[in-house]
């Protein structure tokens, strides 16, 4: 089979054929205006990485890069089977759910003296040791524990093989680490999302920018990181629309298998919606301020993910889609 379309092209291909998910231009304009109002704030810079990762070590610390690699290697599928039975991890007096349980568990382990960010330790960690690191504070364990038992190494030495090009970094990660090979087939065409590979590169960029170190080129090649939280935010903001049939299925808690047509459409149309938002923001900046846009799709993702978490109560009437997968 021919190689898959890259994420941006995949978003376009699927959106043109989508039956249940649609990009709404009025909502795209609304989000672009919202971002335009923030055009001079730190929220639309690489420093947005820290807002999305408040429990990460300081970017200048020796552990920051390997913390990021450990977290991103296990960053998938945190939604609970029942909303009332969520895995919880309490750290420094705050109880976390979802993705933040992983961040809290890794940082908790570091404070307990577990060398979880040491490449040698992480590459040889036993299932029992990992289960202890990721232990929940209640009776609901973290989902897919066995699938999270992946082996790693030193991120900096690994990623240096790709030079300083964001696209080459994604391609290297996808080639060398199968669990990052986030691909599907839609209407006979092989497509790719590469959610975790792209967020790994974007996190690296955020840390390096905070350090004032090496510039990573070609960041505009990255798209948003297609998961289950940002599509919910895009529907809430009016930039995406689900068909009545899809909305009904999601509200009834239907589990969508990885690669299901509807699951692919949700993720792909989210990519295209964010591309449209970025294009519209660029146009606003040019027309109103006479300046170019330095905001890439990764920055928009860094903004929308915490936004979704902060507004989860207002969004509660919009269901996330449920797919058990190692890809997101």
Protein backbone atom coordinates (compact mmCIF):
# COMPACT_ATOMS: atom_id res chain seq x y z
CA UNK A 1 0.00 0.00 0.00
CA UNK A 2 1.16 3.53 -0.73
CA UNK A 3 2.45 5.62 2.19
CA UNK A 4 -0.23 7.45 4.19
CA UNK A 5 -1.21 11.04 3.66
CA UNK A 6 0.36 13.27 6.29
CA UNK A 7 -1.97 14.70 8.96
CA UNK A 8 -2.81 18.01 7.25
CA UNK A 9 -3.58 16.31 3.94
CA UNK A 10 -5.49 13.60 5.81
CA UNK A 11 -7.70 16.23 7.42
CA UNK A 12 -8.51 17.76 4.04
CA UNK A 13 -9.14 14.38 2.37
CA UNK A 14 -11.54 13.15 5.05
CA UNK A 15 -13.36 16.45 5.55
CA UNK A 16 -14.21 16.61 1.85
CA UNK A 17 -15.95 13.22 2.17
CA UNK A 18 -17.20 13.31 5.76
CA UNK A 19 -20.74 12.08 6.43
CA UNK A 20 -21.12 12.91 10.13
CA UNK A 21 -18.66 15.68 11.04
CA UNK A 22 -18.49 19.13 9.44
CA UNK A 23 -16.29 22.22 9.73
CA UNK A 24 -18.42 25.31 10.34
CA UNK A 25 -17.00 28.57 8.97
CA UNK A 26 -18.97 30.79 11.35
CA UNK A 27 -17.46 28.98 14.33
CA UNK A 28 -14.01 29.08 12.74
CA UNK A 29 -14.33 32.87 12.53
CA UNK A 30 -15.48 33.04 16.17
CA UNK A 31 -12.44 31.10 17.43
CA UNK A 32 -10.08 33.13 15.22
CA UNK A 33 -11.50 36.33 16.74
CA UNK A 34 -11.05 34.86 20.22
CA UNK A 35 -7.40 34.12 19.45
CA UNK A 36 -6.90 37.51 17.80
CA UNK A 37 -7.87 39.14 21.11
CA UNK A 38 -4.98 37.21 22.68
CA UNK A 39 -2.50 38.03 19.90
CA UNK A 40 0.04 39.72 22.18
CA UNK A 41 -0.29 37.38 25.15
CA UNK A 42 2.04 34.59 26.21
CA UNK A 43 -0.85 32.17 25.74
CA UNK A 44 -0.17 32.17 21.99
CA UNK A 45 3.53 31.42 22.20
CA UNK A 46 5.62 28.32 22.82
CA UNK A 47 5.28 29.07 26.53
CA UNK A 48 1.72 27.77 26.24
CA UNK A 49 3.37 24.37 26.65
CA UNK A 50 3.87 25.02 30.35
CA UNK A 51 0.20 25.92 30.86
CA UNK A 52 -0.77 22.57 29.35
CA UNK A 53 1.87 20.81 31.48
CA UNK A 54 1.88 22.56 34.88
CA UNK A 55 3.34 19.54 36.70
CA UNK A 56 6.38 19.23 34.43
CA UNK A 57 9.83 19.95 35.87
CA UNK A 58 11.21 23.40 35.13
CA UNK A 59 12.21 23.57 31.46
CA UNK A 60 15.76 24.42 32.48
CA UNK A 61 16.13 21.29 34.62
CA UNK A 62 18.11 18.27 33.50
CA UNK A 63 15.03 16.08 33.91
CA UNK A 64 12.58 18.10 31.78
CA UNK A 65 13.20 16.41 28.43
CA UNK A 66 13.11 12.86 29.74
CA UNK A 67 10.02 13.65 31.88
CA UNK A 68 8.35 14.77 28.68
CA UNK A 69 9.42 11.60 26.83
CA UNK A 70 8.15 9.33 29.61
CA UNK A 71 4.80 11.16 29.79
CA UNK A 72 4.32 11.35 26.03
CA UNK A 73 5.15 7.66 25.62
CA UNK A 74 2.21 6.84 27.92
CA UNK A 75 -0.09 9.69 26.87
CA UNK A 76 -3.24 7.96 25.63
CA UNK A 77 -6.77 6.88 26.57
CA UNK A 78 -7.61 8.40 29.96
CA UNK A 79 -11.39 8.62 29.64
CA UNK A 80 -13.32 6.62 32.27
CA UNK A 81 -15.79 3.83 31.61
CA UNK A 82 -18.20 5.72 33.88
CA UNK A 83 -17.93 9.42 34.76
CA UNK A 84 -18.47 8.55 38.42
CA UNK A 85 -15.55 6.08 38.39
CA UNK A 86 -12.50 8.07 37.35
CA UNK A 87 -8.91 7.20 38.12
CA UNK A 88 -7.59 9.86 40.50
CA UNK A 89 -4.09 10.84 41.60
CA UNK A 90 -3.54 13.41 44.34
CA UNK A 91 -0.31 15.37 44.35
CA UNK A 92 0.59 18.30 46.61
CA UNK A 93 -2.99 18.55 47.83
CA UNK A 94 -4.64 18.62 44.41
CA UNK A 95 -6.59 15.67 42.99
CA UNK A 96 -6.22 15.14 39.24
CA UNK A 97 -8.17 13.15 36.66
CA UNK A 98 -7.63 12.38 32.97
CA UNK A 99 -4.25 13.09 31.37
CA UNK A 100 -3.18 15.01 34.48
CA UNK A 101 -3.25 11.77 36.53
CA UNK A 102 -0.29 10.59 34.46
CA UNK A 103 1.63 13.84 34.95
CA UNK A 104 0.89 13.79 38.67
CA UNK A 105 1.91 10.13 39.01
CA UNK A 106 5.25 10.65 37.23
CA UNK A 107 6.07 13.79 39.23
CA UNK A 108 4.97 12.01 42.44
CA UNK A 109 7.32 9.14 41.65
CA UNK A 110 10.21 11.57 41.18
CA UNK A 111 9.52 13.11 44.59
CA UNK A 112 9.41 9.61 46.10
CA UNK A 113 12.91 8.98 44.75
CA UNK A 114 11.92 6.67 41.87
CA UNK A 115 14.34 7.40 38.97
CA UNK A 116 11.48 7.26 36.46
CA UNK A 117 13.08 9.83 34.13
CA UNK A 118 16.38 7.94 34.02
CA UNK A 119 16.54 6.33 30.55
CA UNK A 120 18.13 3.12 31.80
CA UNK A 121 15.57 2.67 34.57
CA UNK A 122 12.60 3.51 32.34
CA UNK A 123 13.75 1.13 29.61
CA UNK A 124 13.92 -1.74 32.11
CA UNK A 125 10.99 -0.94 34.43
CA UNK A 126 8.92 -3.97 35.37
CA UNK A 127 5.16 -4.16 35.06
CA UNK A 128 4.87 -4.23 38.85
CA UNK A 129 7.07 -1.15 39.27
CA UNK A 130 5.10 0.76 36.66
CA UNK A 131 1.81 -0.24 38.29
CA UNK A 132 3.09 1.22 41.56
CA UNK A 133 4.21 4.45 39.88
CA UNK A 134 0.82 4.85 38.17
CA UNK A 135 -1.26 3.76 41.15
CA UNK A 136 -4.62 5.42 41.63
CA UNK A 137 -5.84 6.95 44.88
CA UNK A 138 -9.15 5.16 44.53
CA UNK A 139 -10.41 1.79 43.32
CA UNK A 140 -10.38 2.81 39.63
CA UNK A 141 -6.98 2.01 38.10
CA UNK A 142 -5.42 3.92 35.24
CA UNK A 143 -6.74 2.37 31.98
CA UNK A 144 -4.58 0.25 29.68
CA UNK A 145 -1.74 -0.27 32.14
CA UNK A 146 -0.18 -3.09 30.11
CA UNK A 147 -0.18 -0.95 26.96
CA UNK A 148 1.60 1.83 28.86
CA UNK A 149 4.39 -0.58 29.74
CA UNK A 150 6.57 0.65 26.86
CA UNK A 151 10.31 0.94 26.80
CA UNK A 152 12.15 4.19 26.26
CA UNK A 153 15.60 5.70 26.31
CA UNK A 154 17.28 9.09 26.28
CA UNK A 155 15.05 11.42 24.30
CA UNK A 156 17.72 14.00 23.49
CA UNK A 157 20.14 11.49 21.97
CA UNK A 158 17.30 9.80 20.08
CA UNK A 159 15.71 12.90 18.56
CA UNK A 160 19.06 14.42 17.57
CA UNK A 161 19.15 11.95 14.69
CA UNK A 162 16.52 14.12 12.95
CA UNK A 163 18.49 17.35 13.15
CA UNK A 164 16.36 20.39 13.96
CA UNK A 165 13.47 19.81 11.53
CA UNK A 166 10.02 19.17 13.07
CA UNK A 167 8.80 17.06 10.16
CA UNK A 168 11.91 14.85 10.23
CA UNK A 169 11.49 14.42 13.98
CA UNK A 170 7.91 13.19 13.57
CA UNK A 171 8.97 10.84 10.78
CA UNK A 172 11.81 9.46 12.94
CA UNK A 173 9.53 8.84 15.94
CA UNK A 174 6.90 7.13 13.80
CA UNK A 175 9.50 4.98 12.05
CA UNK A 176 11.29 3.84 15.21
CA UNK A 177 8.47 3.54 17.77
CA UNK A 178 5.44 1.52 16.57
CA UNK A 179 3.09 2.80 19.29
CA UNK A 180 3.36 6.27 17.73
CA UNK A 181 2.30 5.00 14.27
CA UNK A 182 -1.16 6.53 14.38
CA UNK A 183 -2.66 5.62 10.98
CA UNK A 184 -6.01 4.53 9.53
CA UNK A 185 -7.74 3.79 6.24
CA UNK A 186 -10.62 5.98 5.05
CA UNK A 187 -12.50 5.20 1.84
CA UNK A 188 -9.58 3.10 0.66
CA UNK A 189 -6.99 5.80 1.34
CA UNK A 190 -4.31 5.38 4.00
CA UNK A 191 -4.18 8.43 6.24
CA UNK A 192 -2.24 9.50 9.33
CA UNK A 193 -2.85 11.58 12.46
CA UNK A 194 0.43 11.05 14.37
CA UNK A 195 -1.05 12.72 17.43
CA UNK A 196 1.51 11.56 19.98
CA UNK A 197 4.51 11.95 17.67
CA UNK A 198 3.51 15.52 16.88
CA UNK A 199 2.86 16.45 20.51
CA UNK A 200 6.22 14.94 21.47
CA UNK A 201 7.97 17.25 18.99
CA UNK A 202 5.86 20.24 20.06
CA UNK A 203 6.64 19.58 23.73
CA UNK A 204 10.33 19.40 22.87
CA UNK A 205 9.99 22.72 21.04
CA UNK A 206 8.24 24.27 24.06
CA UNK A 207 10.98 23.16 26.45
CA UNK A 208 13.78 24.29 24.15
CA UNK A 209 12.10 27.67 23.59
CA UNK A 210 11.78 28.13 27.36
CA UNK A 211 15.49 27.40 27.67
CA UNK A 212 16.36 29.81 24.87
CA UNK A 213 18.21 26.98 23.19
CA UNK A 214 18.26 25.44 19.71
CA UNK A 215 15.64 26.65 17.25
CA UNK A 216 13.45 23.89 15.79
CA UNK A 217 12.54 24.62 12.19
CA UNK A 218 9.46 23.69 10.16
CA UNK A 219 7.07 23.89 13.12
CA UNK A 220 4.34 25.03 10.72
CA UNK A 221 4.33 21.47 9.35
CA UNK A 222 2.67 20.22 12.54
CA UNK A 223 -1.10 20.13 12.87
CA UNK A 224 -3.23 20.06 16.02
CA UNK A 225 -2.98 16.83 17.99
CA UNK A 226 -6.17 14.91 17.18
CA UNK A 227 -7.55 13.50 20.44
CA UNK A 228 -10.95 13.35 22.13
CA UNK A 229 -10.87 16.57 24.19
CA UNK A 230 -10.25 19.25 21.55
CA UNK A 231 -13.01 18.01 19.20
CA UNK A 232 -15.40 18.55 22.10
CA UNK A 233 -14.12 22.13 22.49
CA UNK A 234 -14.42 22.77 18.75
CA UNK A 235 -18.05 21.60 18.78
CA UNK A 236 -18.73 23.77 21.83
CA UNK A 237 -17.19 26.79 20.08
CA UNK A 238 -19.13 26.11 16.89
CA UNK A 239 -16.15 25.33 14.66
CA UNK A 240 -17.24 21.69 14.30
CA UNK A 241 -20.70 20.19 13.95
CA UNK A 242 -21.75 16.57 14.49
CA UNK A 243 -24.72 15.02 12.68
CA UNK A 244 -27.75 14.23 14.83
CA UNK A 245 -27.04 10.52 14.36
CA UNK A 246 -23.43 10.83 15.58
CA UNK A 247 -24.39 13.06 18.50
CA UNK A 248 -27.03 10.52 19.50
CA UNK A 249 -24.57 7.63 19.37
CA UNK A 250 -22.02 9.52 21.46
CA UNK A 251 -24.61 10.57 24.03
CA UNK A 252 -25.60 6.92 24.42
CA UNK A 253 -21.96 6.11 25.19
CA UNK A 254 -21.29 4.03 22.09
CA UNK A 255 -17.68 2.82 22.00
CA UNK A 256 -16.11 3.63 18.63
CA UNK A 257 -13.38 1.24 17.59
CA UNK A 258 -10.08 2.73 16.48
CA UNK A 259 -10.41 3.29 12.72
CA UNK A 260 -14.22 3.51 12.75
CA UNK A 261 -15.37 5.90 10.01
CA UNK A 262 -16.95 8.27 12.53
CA UNK A 263 -13.90 8.28 14.78
CA UNK A 264 -11.69 9.09 11.79
CA UNK A 265 -14.03 11.90 10.73
CA UNK A 266 -14.01 13.47 14.21
CA UNK A 267 -10.21 13.51 14.34
CA UNK A 268 -9.63 14.54 10.73
CA UNK A 269 -12.19 17.34 10.72
CA UNK A 270 -10.68 18.65 13.96
CA UNK A 271 -7.36 18.96 12.15
CA UNK A 272 -8.97 20.85 9.27
CA UNK A 273 -10.95 23.11 11.64
CA UNK A 274 -7.76 24.19 13.42
CA UNK A 275 -6.06 24.76 10.06
CA UNK A 276 -8.96 26.99 9.03
CA UNK A 277 -8.75 28.84 12.37
CA UNK A 278 -5.03 29.41 11.87
CA UNK A 279 -5.60 30.68 8.32
CA UNK A 280 -8.37 33.01 9.48
CA UNK A 281 -6.24 34.32 12.36
CA UNK A 282 -3.41 34.99 9.93
CA UNK A 283 -5.79 36.95 7.72
CA UNK A 284 -7.06 39.01 10.66
CA UNK A 285 -3.53 39.90 11.74
CA UNK A 286 -2.58 40.92 8.21
CA UNK A 287 -5.72 42.97 7.54
CA UNK A 288 -6.01 44.70 10.93
CA UNK A 289 -2.43 44.95 12.14
CA UNK A 290 -0.43 44.62 8.94
CA UNK A 291 1.69 41.85 10.41
CA UNK A 292 2.35 38.20 9.77
CA UNK A 293 1.09 35.42 12.01
CA UNK A 294 3.60 33.54 14.16
CA UNK A 295 0.94 31.25 15.61
CA UNK A 296 1.16 27.66 14.39
CA UNK A 297 -1.35 24.84 14.88
CA UNK A 298 0.59 23.43 17.84
CA UNK A 299 0.19 26.74 19.70
CA UNK A 300 -3.55 26.73 19.01
CA UNK A 301 -3.68 23.19 20.43
CA UNK A 302 -1.69 24.31 23.48
CA UNK A 303 -4.37 26.98 24.00
CA UNK A 304 -7.47 24.87 23.30
CA UNK A 305 -6.57 21.89 25.51
CA UNK A 306 -6.41 23.86 28.80
CA UNK A 307 -9.45 25.84 27.61
CA UNK A 308 -11.40 22.58 27.29
CA UNK A 309 -10.34 21.49 30.78
CA UNK A 310 -11.25 24.87 32.28
CA UNK A 311 -14.69 24.90 30.64
CA UNK A 312 -15.52 21.21 31.08
CA UNK A 313 -18.70 21.96 33.04
CA UNK A 314 -20.07 24.25 30.34
CA UNK A 315 -19.21 21.58 27.77
CA UNK A 316 -20.71 18.68 29.68
CA UNK A 317 -23.69 18.46 27.30
CA UNK A 318 -21.30 17.73 24.41
CA UNK A 319 -20.01 14.15 24.65
CA UNK A 320 -16.43 13.19 23.94
CA UNK A 321 -16.01 10.20 21.66
CA UNK A 322 -14.86 6.99 23.35
CA UNK A 323 -12.14 4.94 21.66
CA UNK A 324 -9.65 2.72 23.48
CA UNK A 325 -6.38 3.19 21.65
CA UNK A 326 -2.65 3.61 22.28
CA UNK A 327 -2.63 6.49 19.81
CA UNK A 328 -4.45 9.08 21.93
